[in-house]
Amino acid sequence: MHKARYVIIALALFVLAATAPFWYNAVSSRPQPVLSLHTPAINQLTAKQCIEDGEFMRKNHMKLLREWKEQSVRQGQTVYVAKDGRLYPMSLEKNCLSCHSNKQEFCDSCHSFAGIDTPNCWSCHAAPKGEQP
């Protein structure tokens, strides 16, 4: 019975330490980044539509880009078929960066907010210089 108290205290400390990141994020009040989608490139488009819907892209963009890299570089497949049947080139530069041309305001602001390292896209691709809206 004497050791049970120490086990319970140790378990409580472990749970507190293991959940500390969640508690920190719950009480910290960092504002979410506000992304501007009103870049000159996007404003010139008649149909302001990404290859997939926004919710899909927010959740799956890294998985999609990783699949594109594997399929285009290793398998030679260069055309992406969207859910609605539209065809797009599997190209960061010919596709994504034509609208999302400001890396600092688009990529970096969300990745910094989420605490995710900067993706390695720019180890092969030239980072966009950005544009002034």
Foldseek 3Di string as FASTA:
>chain_A
DVCVVVVVVVVVVVVCVVCVVVVVVVPDDDDAADADQPDVLQVPDPDNDALADPVCCVVCVVVLLVVLCCCCVPVVDQWDQGPVGDIDGSDCVVGVCSRVQDCCRPVVRNCVVVVHDRDPPCVPDPRHPDDDD
